[in-house]
N, C-alpha and C. Protein backbone atom coordinates (compact mmCIF):
# COMPACT_ATOMS: atom_id res chain seq x y z
N MET A 1 -108.19 72.64 82.37
CA MET A 1 -107.02 72.21 82.88
C MET A 1 -107.13 73.18 83.87
N LYS A 2 -106.71 72.30 85.12
CA LYS A 2 -106.47 73.18 86.40
C LYS A 2 -105.13 74.03 86.15
N ASP A 3 -105.14 75.32 86.93
CA ASP A 3 -104.15 75.98 87.16
C ASP A 3 -103.11 75.52 88.22
N GLN A 4 -102.03 75.77 87.95
CA GLN A 4 -100.72 75.25 88.92
C GLN A 4 -101.32 75.48 90.38
N SER A 5 -101.98 76.63 90.71
CA SER A 5 -102.13 76.89 92.31
C SER A 5 -103.13 76.03 92.76
N GLN A 6 -104.11 75.63 91.95
CA GLN A 6 -104.99 74.67 92.13
C GLN A 6 -104.52 73.29 92.40
N THR A 7 -103.69 72.71 91.61
CA THR A 7 -103.18 71.59 91.78
C THR A 7 -102.27 71.26 93.13
N ILE A 8 -101.44 72.51 93.24
CA ILE A 8 -100.41 72.58 94.25
C ILE A 8 -101.45 72.52 95.60
N GLU A 9 -102.67 73.14 95.83
CA GLU A 9 -103.28 73.46 96.89
C GLU A 9 -104.16 72.05 96.87
N SER A 10 -104.66 71.11 96.23
CA SER A 10 -105.04 70.05 96.37
C SER A 10 -104.36 69.01 97.07
N ILE A 11 -102.77 69.07 96.43
CA ILE A 11 -101.76 68.32 96.80
C ILE A 11 -101.55 68.53 98.40
N ILE A 12 -101.52 69.79 98.41
CA ILE A 12 -101.24 70.16 100.29
C ILE A 12 -102.40 69.80 101.00
N LYS A 13 -103.62 69.71 100.36
CA LYS A 13 -104.61 69.32 101.26
C LYS A 13 -104.85 67.78 101.49
N MET A 14 -104.31 67.16 100.60
CA MET A 14 -104.05 65.88 100.84
C MET A 14 -102.94 65.32 101.79
N ALA A 15 -102.07 66.33 101.76
CA ALA A 15 -100.93 65.85 102.51
C ALA A 15 -101.26 66.19 103.97
N ILE A 16 -102.07 67.20 104.16
CA ILE A 16 -102.74 67.41 105.33
C ILE A 16 -103.35 66.33 105.94
N SER A 17 -104.31 65.95 105.17
CA SER A 17 -105.23 64.72 105.53
C SER A 17 -104.30 63.41 105.79
N GLY A 18 -103.35 63.31 105.10
CA GLY A 18 -102.21 62.18 105.78
C GLY A 18 -101.68 62.58 106.97
N GLU A 19 -101.50 63.57 107.01
CA GLU A 19 -100.56 64.20 108.57
C GLU A 19 -101.89 63.62 109.50
N GLU A 20 -103.12 64.46 109.24
CA GLU A 20 -103.94 64.22 110.40
C GLU A 20 -104.04 62.59 110.43
N GLU A 21 -104.37 61.74 109.53
CA GLU A 21 -104.50 60.29 109.79
C GLU A 21 -103.20 59.84 110.59
N ALA A 22 -101.93 60.36 110.40
CA ALA A 22 -100.74 59.65 110.88
C ALA A 22 -101.09 60.12 112.47
N TYR A 23 -101.39 61.44 112.82
CA TYR A 23 -101.38 61.86 114.08
C TYR A 23 -102.49 60.82 114.81
N THR A 24 -103.62 60.65 114.26
CA THR A 24 -104.37 59.76 114.76
C THR A 24 -103.98 58.26 115.06
N LEU A 25 -103.18 57.75 114.30
CA LEU A 25 -102.58 56.36 114.39
C LEU A 25 -101.76 56.33 115.33
N TYR A 26 -100.77 57.51 115.46
CA TYR A 26 -100.07 57.41 116.78
C TYR A 26 -100.44 57.60 118.07
N THR A 27 -101.50 58.42 118.16
CA THR A 27 -102.16 58.85 119.48
C THR A 27 -103.13 57.51 119.91
N ASN A 28 -103.78 56.89 118.76
CA ASN A 28 -104.46 55.63 119.11
C ASN A 28 -103.32 54.45 119.53
N ALA A 29 -102.32 54.45 118.85
CA ALA A 29 -101.21 53.39 119.14
C ALA A 29 -100.68 53.54 120.53
N ALA A 30 -100.43 55.04 120.85
CA ALA A 30 -99.79 55.08 122.22
C ALA A 30 -100.71 54.61 123.25
N GLN A 31 -102.02 54.51 123.07
CA GLN A 31 -102.93 53.98 124.08
C GLN A 31 -102.95 52.26 124.02
N LEU A 32 -102.59 52.19 122.90
CA LEU A 32 -102.53 50.31 122.70
C LEU A 32 -101.50 50.00 123.64
N VAL A 33 -100.18 50.44 123.66
CA VAL A 33 -98.93 49.92 123.90
C VAL A 33 -98.84 49.95 125.70
N LYS A 34 -98.33 49.23 126.08
CA LYS A 34 -98.08 49.13 127.85
C LYS A 34 -96.74 49.79 128.34
N ASP A 35 -95.91 49.63 127.50
CA ASP A 35 -94.22 50.45 127.96
C ASP A 35 -94.43 51.74 127.83
N LYS A 36 -93.80 52.66 128.86
CA LYS A 36 -93.77 54.08 128.96
C LYS A 36 -92.74 54.46 127.56
N GLN A 37 -91.48 53.89 127.32
CA GLN A 37 -90.77 54.32 126.25
C GLN A 37 -91.54 54.37 125.05
N SER A 38 -92.40 53.32 124.74
CA SER A 38 -93.07 53.28 123.36
C SER A 38 -94.07 54.22 123.54
N GLN A 39 -95.01 54.50 124.54
CA GLN A 39 -95.97 55.39 124.67
C GLN A 39 -95.02 56.79 124.28
N ASP A 40 -93.98 56.88 124.91
CA ASP A 40 -93.43 58.40 124.65
C ASP A 40 -93.21 58.89 123.53
N MET A 41 -92.61 57.66 122.43
CA MET A 41 -92.09 57.77 121.49
C MET A 41 -93.30 57.96 120.39
N LEU A 42 -94.17 57.19 120.59
CA LEU A 42 -95.75 57.70 119.66
C LEU A 42 -96.06 58.98 119.91
N ALA A 43 -96.11 59.26 121.43
CA ALA A 43 -96.89 60.51 121.29
C ALA A 43 -95.77 61.62 120.74
N GLU A 44 -94.59 61.45 120.70
CA GLU A 44 -93.48 62.55 120.08
C GLU A 44 -94.09 62.50 118.59
N LEU A 45 -93.86 61.22 118.01
CA LEU A 45 -94.37 61.15 116.75
C LEU A 45 -95.87 61.90 116.22
N ALA A 46 -96.70 61.60 117.09
CA ALA A 46 -98.07 62.46 117.03
C ALA A 46 -97.74 63.81 116.81
N THR A 47 -97.04 64.40 117.74
CA THR A 47 -96.72 65.77 117.80
C THR A 47 -96.03 66.36 116.60
N GLU A 48 -95.18 65.33 116.35
CA GLU A 48 -94.47 66.03 115.03
C GLU A 48 -95.37 66.01 113.77
N GLU A 49 -96.34 64.87 113.69
CA GLU A 49 -97.27 65.12 112.69
C GLU A 49 -97.98 66.15 112.73
N LYS A 50 -98.31 66.59 113.99
CA LYS A 50 -99.42 67.66 114.17
C LYS A 50 -98.66 68.98 113.61
N GLY A 51 -96.98 68.91 113.96
CA GLY A 51 -96.46 70.08 113.13
C GLY A 51 -96.25 70.02 111.95
N HIS A 52 -96.27 69.05 111.28
CA HIS A 52 -96.13 68.90 109.83
C HIS A 52 -97.51 69.25 109.26
N LYS A 53 -98.78 69.42 109.78
CA LYS A 53 -99.97 69.70 109.34
C LYS A 53 -100.03 71.19 109.44
N ALA A 54 -99.35 71.90 110.64
CA ALA A 54 -99.17 73.01 110.51
C ALA A 54 -98.41 73.68 109.67
N LYS A 55 -97.12 73.24 109.21
CA LYS A 55 -96.68 73.80 107.91
C LYS A 55 -97.39 73.79 106.85
N LEU A 56 -98.04 72.54 106.69
CA LEU A 56 -98.69 72.70 105.39
C LEU A 56 -99.88 73.93 105.33
N GLU A 57 -100.64 73.74 106.68
CA GLU A 57 -101.71 74.58 106.59
C GLU A 57 -101.15 76.07 106.38
N GLY A 58 -99.81 76.29 106.85
CA GLY A 58 -99.50 77.63 106.77
C GLY A 58 -98.94 78.15 105.46
N LEU A 59 -98.69 77.06 104.55
CA LEU A 59 -98.44 77.08 103.33
C LEU A 59 -99.52 77.44 102.27
N LEU A 60 -100.87 76.87 102.96
CA LEU A 60 -102.06 77.06 102.27
C LEU A 60 -102.27 78.62 102.70
N ARG A 61 -102.35 78.89 103.80
CA ARG A 61 -102.95 80.27 104.26
C ARG A 61 -101.94 81.56 103.67
N GLN A 62 -100.51 81.21 103.74
CA GLN A 62 -99.42 82.32 103.03
C GLN A 62 -99.42 82.05 101.77
N GLY A 63 -99.72 81.13 100.97
CA GLY A 63 -99.32 81.23 99.49
C GLY A 63 -97.92 80.36 99.57
N ILE A 64 -97.53 80.44 98.61
CA ILE A 64 -96.32 79.58 98.41
C ILE A 64 -95.36 80.67 98.62
N SER A 65 -94.98 80.94 100.09
CA SER A 65 -94.05 81.85 100.47
C SER A 65 -92.89 81.36 101.66
N TRP A 66 -93.47 80.01 102.11
CA TRP A 66 -93.05 79.82 103.14
C TRP A 66 -91.67 79.12 102.78
N LYS A 67 -90.64 79.26 103.27
CA LYS A 67 -89.32 78.72 102.69
C LYS A 67 -88.23 78.12 103.81
N ILE A 68 -87.82 76.88 103.47
CA ILE A 68 -86.76 76.25 104.38
C ILE A 68 -85.36 76.51 103.81
N ALA A 69 -84.54 77.02 104.70
CA ALA A 69 -83.00 77.41 104.09
C ALA A 69 -82.64 76.14 103.72
N GLU A 70 -81.80 76.31 102.90
CA GLU A 70 -80.87 75.16 102.20
C GLU A 70 -79.95 74.58 103.29
N GLY A 71 -80.08 73.46 103.91
CA GLY A 71 -79.28 72.92 104.79
C GLY A 71 -79.80 73.36 105.93
N GLU A 72 -80.97 73.12 106.26
CA GLU A 72 -81.62 73.67 107.61
C GLU A 72 -81.68 72.29 108.36
N PHE A 73 -81.93 71.09 107.23
CA PHE A 73 -81.92 70.05 108.09
C PHE A 73 -81.05 68.90 107.59
N ASP A 74 -80.90 67.70 108.49
CA ASP A 74 -79.86 66.79 108.14
C ASP A 74 -80.61 65.75 107.29
N ARG A 75 -80.32 65.67 106.13
CA ARG A 75 -80.75 64.42 105.47
C ARG A 75 -80.57 62.94 106.24
N ILE A 76 -81.79 62.28 106.15
CA ILE A 76 -81.56 61.07 106.70
C ILE A 76 -81.61 59.88 105.49
N ALA A 77 -80.59 58.75 106.05
CA ALA A 77 -80.48 57.85 105.07
C ALA A 77 -81.41 56.69 105.51
N ASP A 78 -81.89 56.23 104.45
CA ASP A 78 -83.18 55.17 104.74
C ASP A 78 -82.52 53.83 104.72
N LEU A 79 -82.44 53.16 105.71
CA LEU A 79 -81.69 51.84 106.07
C LEU A 79 -82.65 50.77 105.46
N LYS A 80 -83.76 50.94 105.25
CA LYS A 80 -84.83 50.04 104.56
C LYS A 80 -84.89 48.66 105.56
N VAL A 81 -84.77 48.73 106.88
CA VAL A 81 -85.13 47.75 107.77
C VAL A 81 -86.04 46.99 107.67
N GLY A 82 -87.44 48.16 107.51
CA GLY A 82 -88.75 47.51 107.60
C GLY A 82 -89.28 47.47 106.25
N ASP A 83 -88.58 47.60 105.32
CA ASP A 83 -89.46 47.74 104.00
C ASP A 83 -90.00 46.52 103.52
N HIS A 84 -89.67 45.24 104.08
CA HIS A 84 -89.86 44.12 103.80
C HIS A 84 -91.16 43.44 104.58
N LEU A 85 -91.55 44.19 105.76
CA LEU A 85 -92.32 43.75 106.78
C LEU A 85 -93.77 44.18 105.88
N GLU A 86 -94.82 43.16 106.45
CA GLU A 86 -96.25 43.24 105.86
C GLU A 86 -97.18 43.69 107.03
N ALA A 87 -97.83 45.09 106.75
CA ALA A 87 -98.65 45.71 107.58
C ALA A 87 -99.89 44.90 107.70
N LYS A 88 -100.29 44.72 108.72
CA LYS A 88 -102.06 44.30 109.02
C LYS A 88 -102.83 45.62 109.25
N PRO A 89 -104.32 45.34 109.06
CA PRO A 89 -105.12 46.28 109.87
C PRO A 89 -104.71 45.93 111.57
N LEU A 90 -104.80 47.56 111.94
CA LEU A 90 -104.74 47.46 113.59
C LEU A 90 -105.99 47.22 113.91
N THR A 91 -106.27 46.08 115.12
CA THR A 91 -107.43 45.85 115.75
C THR A 91 -107.23 45.85 117.21
N GLU A 92 -108.03 45.94 118.01
CA GLU A 92 -108.13 46.09 119.25
C GLU A 92 -106.69 45.45 119.84
N GLY A 93 -106.89 44.03 119.52
CA GLY A 93 -105.86 43.19 120.15
C GLY A 93 -104.34 43.52 119.69
N ALA A 94 -104.32 44.18 119.00
CA ALA A 94 -102.83 44.67 118.27
C ALA A 94 -101.76 44.87 119.38
N ASP A 95 -100.35 44.21 119.19
CA ASP A 95 -99.42 44.30 120.11
C ASP A 95 -98.62 45.63 119.39
N LEU A 96 -97.41 45.57 120.15
CA LEU A 96 -96.64 46.85 119.67
C LEU A 96 -95.88 46.34 118.39
N GLN A 97 -95.57 45.12 118.13
CA GLN A 97 -95.09 44.62 116.75
C GLN A 97 -95.86 45.05 115.73
N ASP A 98 -97.27 44.79 115.74
CA ASP A 98 -98.01 45.33 114.82
C ASP A 98 -98.21 46.91 114.81
N VAL A 99 -98.24 47.57 115.48
CA VAL A 99 -98.44 48.99 115.65
C VAL A 99 -97.10 49.51 115.00
N LEU A 100 -96.12 48.88 115.43
CA LEU A 100 -94.62 49.42 114.66
C LEU A 100 -94.34 49.22 113.07
N ILE A 101 -95.05 47.91 112.89
CA ILE A 101 -95.27 47.57 111.17
C ILE A 101 -95.97 48.42 110.49
N VAL A 102 -96.98 48.85 111.15
CA VAL A 102 -97.96 49.73 110.43
C VAL A 102 -97.37 51.14 110.40
N GLY A 103 -96.84 51.78 111.59
CA GLY A 103 -96.24 52.98 111.46
C GLY A 103 -95.18 53.07 110.33
N ILE A 104 -94.04 51.84 110.50
CA ILE A 104 -93.01 51.95 109.54
C ILE A 104 -93.71 51.86 107.97
N GLN A 105 -94.58 51.24 107.79
CA GLN A 105 -94.98 51.27 106.13
C GLN A 105 -95.69 52.80 105.78
N ARG A 106 -96.19 53.01 106.84
CA ARG A 106 -97.13 54.49 106.55
C ARG A 106 -96.07 55.39 106.70
N GLU A 107 -94.77 55.63 107.19
CA GLU A 107 -93.85 56.63 106.96
C GLU A 107 -93.09 56.60 105.73
N LYS A 108 -93.08 55.10 105.53
CA LYS A 108 -92.33 54.66 104.08
C LYS A 108 -93.19 55.59 102.96
N GLU A 109 -94.43 55.05 103.06
CA GLU A 109 -95.43 55.59 101.94
C GLU A 109 -95.40 57.29 101.81
N SER A 110 -95.34 57.68 103.33
CA SER A 110 -95.42 59.14 103.25
C SER A 110 -94.38 59.71 102.61
N ASN A 111 -93.07 59.24 103.14
CA ASN A 111 -91.58 59.61 102.46
C ASN A 111 -91.90 59.62 101.12
N GLU A 112 -92.17 58.57 100.50
CA GLU A 112 -92.20 58.23 98.94
C GLU A 112 -92.97 59.37 98.41
N LEU A 113 -94.21 59.83 99.04
CA LEU A 113 -95.02 60.71 98.53
C LEU A 113 -94.59 61.92 98.40
N TYR A 114 -93.77 62.47 99.25
CA TYR A 114 -93.32 63.73 99.50
C TYR A 114 -92.14 63.85 98.58
N ALA A 115 -91.43 62.77 98.42
CA ALA A 115 -90.19 62.65 97.84
C ALA A 115 -90.47 62.91 96.42
N GLY A 116 -91.56 62.01 95.89
CA GLY A 116 -92.11 62.11 94.57
C GLY A 116 -92.52 63.60 94.20
N LEU A 117 -93.44 64.13 95.22
CA LEU A 117 -93.88 65.72 94.86
C LEU A 117 -92.70 66.22 94.85
N ALA A 118 -91.65 66.45 95.72
CA ALA A 118 -90.32 67.24 95.56
C ALA A 118 -89.93 67.00 94.18
N GLY A 119 -89.97 65.81 93.64
CA GLY A 119 -89.10 65.64 92.25
C GLY A 119 -89.86 66.26 91.27
N ILE A 120 -91.40 66.35 91.07
CA ILE A 120 -92.15 67.33 90.11
C ILE A 120 -92.46 68.69 90.74
N SER A 121 -91.87 69.10 91.38
CA SER A 121 -92.37 70.24 91.82
C SER A 121 -91.54 71.54 91.16
N ALA A 122 -92.12 72.32 90.12
CA ALA A 122 -91.19 73.39 89.66
C ALA A 122 -90.83 74.38 90.41
N ASP A 123 -91.74 74.95 91.23
CA ASP A 123 -91.51 75.77 92.23
C ASP A 123 -90.54 75.50 93.52
N GLU A 124 -89.61 76.41 93.83
CA GLU A 124 -88.31 75.84 94.41
C GLU A 124 -88.95 75.89 95.73
N THR A 125 -89.44 76.89 96.39
CA THR A 125 -90.31 76.65 97.56
C THR A 125 -90.91 75.60 97.91
N VAL A 126 -91.93 75.12 97.02
CA VAL A 126 -92.76 73.92 97.33
C VAL A 126 -91.63 72.71 97.34
N ARG A 127 -90.54 72.81 96.22
CA ARG A 127 -89.56 71.57 96.27
C ARG A 127 -89.09 71.27 97.65
N GLN A 128 -88.47 72.43 98.28
CA GLN A 128 -88.04 72.42 99.55
C GLN A 128 -89.04 71.98 100.63
N LEU A 129 -90.15 72.41 100.55
CA LEU A 129 -91.21 71.99 101.70
C LEU A 129 -91.37 70.76 101.42
N PHE A 130 -91.60 69.94 100.51
CA PHE A 130 -91.65 68.48 100.09
C PHE A 130 -90.38 67.60 100.25
N GLU A 131 -89.22 68.41 100.03
CA GLU A 131 -88.16 67.50 100.61
C GLU A 131 -87.89 67.49 102.32
N PHE A 132 -88.18 68.63 102.71
CA PHE A 132 -87.85 68.53 104.30
C PHE A 132 -89.28 67.79 104.83
N LEU A 133 -90.12 67.36 104.43
CA LEU A 133 -91.30 66.46 105.00
C LEU A 133 -90.92 65.28 104.48
N ALA A 134 -90.36 64.80 103.34
CA ALA A 134 -89.93 63.67 102.92
C ALA A 134 -88.99 63.17 104.01
N ASN A 135 -87.96 64.09 104.40
CA ASN A 135 -86.97 63.69 105.62
C ASN A 135 -87.55 63.52 106.67
N GLU A 136 -88.35 64.30 107.04
CA GLU A 136 -89.13 64.22 108.22
C GLU A 136 -89.91 63.03 108.49
N GLU A 137 -90.24 62.36 107.73
CA GLU A 137 -91.24 61.22 107.48
C GLU A 137 -90.00 59.98 107.72
N LEU A 138 -88.99 59.99 106.84
CA LEU A 138 -87.75 58.85 106.73
C LEU A 138 -87.32 58.77 108.38
N THR A 139 -87.37 60.46 108.93
CA THR A 139 -86.74 60.09 110.26
C THR A 139 -87.50 59.64 111.54
N HIS A 140 -88.92 59.54 111.18
CA HIS A 140 -90.10 58.70 111.98
C HIS A 140 -89.95 57.41 111.49
N LYS A 141 -89.56 57.00 110.43
CA LYS A 141 -89.42 55.60 110.11
C LYS A 141 -88.44 55.04 110.77
N ARG A 142 -87.28 55.78 110.57
CA ARG A 142 -85.85 55.21 111.20
C ARG A 142 -86.06 54.89 112.66
N LYS A 143 -87.11 56.00 113.54
CA LYS A 143 -87.19 55.78 114.68
C LYS A 143 -88.19 54.58 115.09
N LEU A 144 -89.01 54.55 114.07
CA LEU A 144 -89.95 52.98 114.41
C LEU A 144 -89.08 51.76 114.14
N GLU A 145 -88.19 51.68 113.21
CA GLU A 145 -87.39 50.62 112.84
C GLU A 145 -86.41 50.29 113.83
N SER A 146 -85.86 51.59 114.38
CA SER A 146 -85.22 51.06 115.70
C SER A 146 -85.61 50.63 116.85
N LEU A 147 -86.92 51.09 117.15
CA LEU A 147 -87.66 50.49 118.15
C LEU A 147 -88.16 48.91 117.55
N TYR A 148 -88.43 48.68 116.53
CA TYR A 148 -88.85 47.50 116.04
C TYR A 148 -87.81 46.63 116.11
N GLU A 149 -86.39 47.01 115.96
CA GLU A 149 -85.51 46.04 116.06
C GLU A 149 -84.99 45.87 117.51
N GLU A 150 -85.05 46.85 118.39
CA GLU A 150 -84.83 46.57 119.89
C GLU A 150 -85.73 45.65 120.58
N ILE A 151 -87.06 45.62 120.28
CA ILE A 151 -88.19 44.84 120.60
C ILE A 151 -88.10 43.33 119.97
N VAL A 152 -88.45 43.32 118.54
CA VAL A 152 -88.30 41.95 117.74
C VAL A 152 -87.00 41.54 117.95
N TYR A 153 -85.87 41.74 117.82
CA TYR A 153 -84.37 41.30 117.87
C TYR A 153 -83.86 41.22 119.17
N GLN A 154 -84.47 41.59 120.34
CA GLN A 154 -83.77 41.61 121.36
C GLN A 154 -83.27 40.09 121.67
N ASP A 155 -83.82 39.22 121.41
CA ASP A 155 -83.59 37.61 121.97
C ASP A 155 -82.14 37.30 121.26
N PHE A 156 -81.89 37.89 119.82
CA PHE A 156 -80.83 37.55 119.14
C PHE A 156 -79.54 38.12 119.62
């Protein structure tokens, strides 16, 4: 049986990989879209994913000593606007709507992963980190859903 530190380390490494994938997704998506507002938002999301990766890497380097002060972040409510949307693999001809749906689903999955990890974390510091990251992913999902509503539902 693996000891707890090896298990936590493997979970954190998996999360780092997910943040790298999200960074790549948003960086590539920013090149696919034409309008400046969407490019800027996707670039901002990419930067935030890079920051998440840095926090997780810091946790690996420093051990489980990184701490988020209680109440340091505002908790975001999930409006579930894009939960029913089905993502298709992005191809060269993908439009902004396709990119947004993939992003929404990705952020939903990341939020669920981090929230689940927070729920099973015995270490308070680890729990706080995962709660923080779950909330960050939910913030990203909300941004993408807002843009989706603005673009897709603009004629209503």
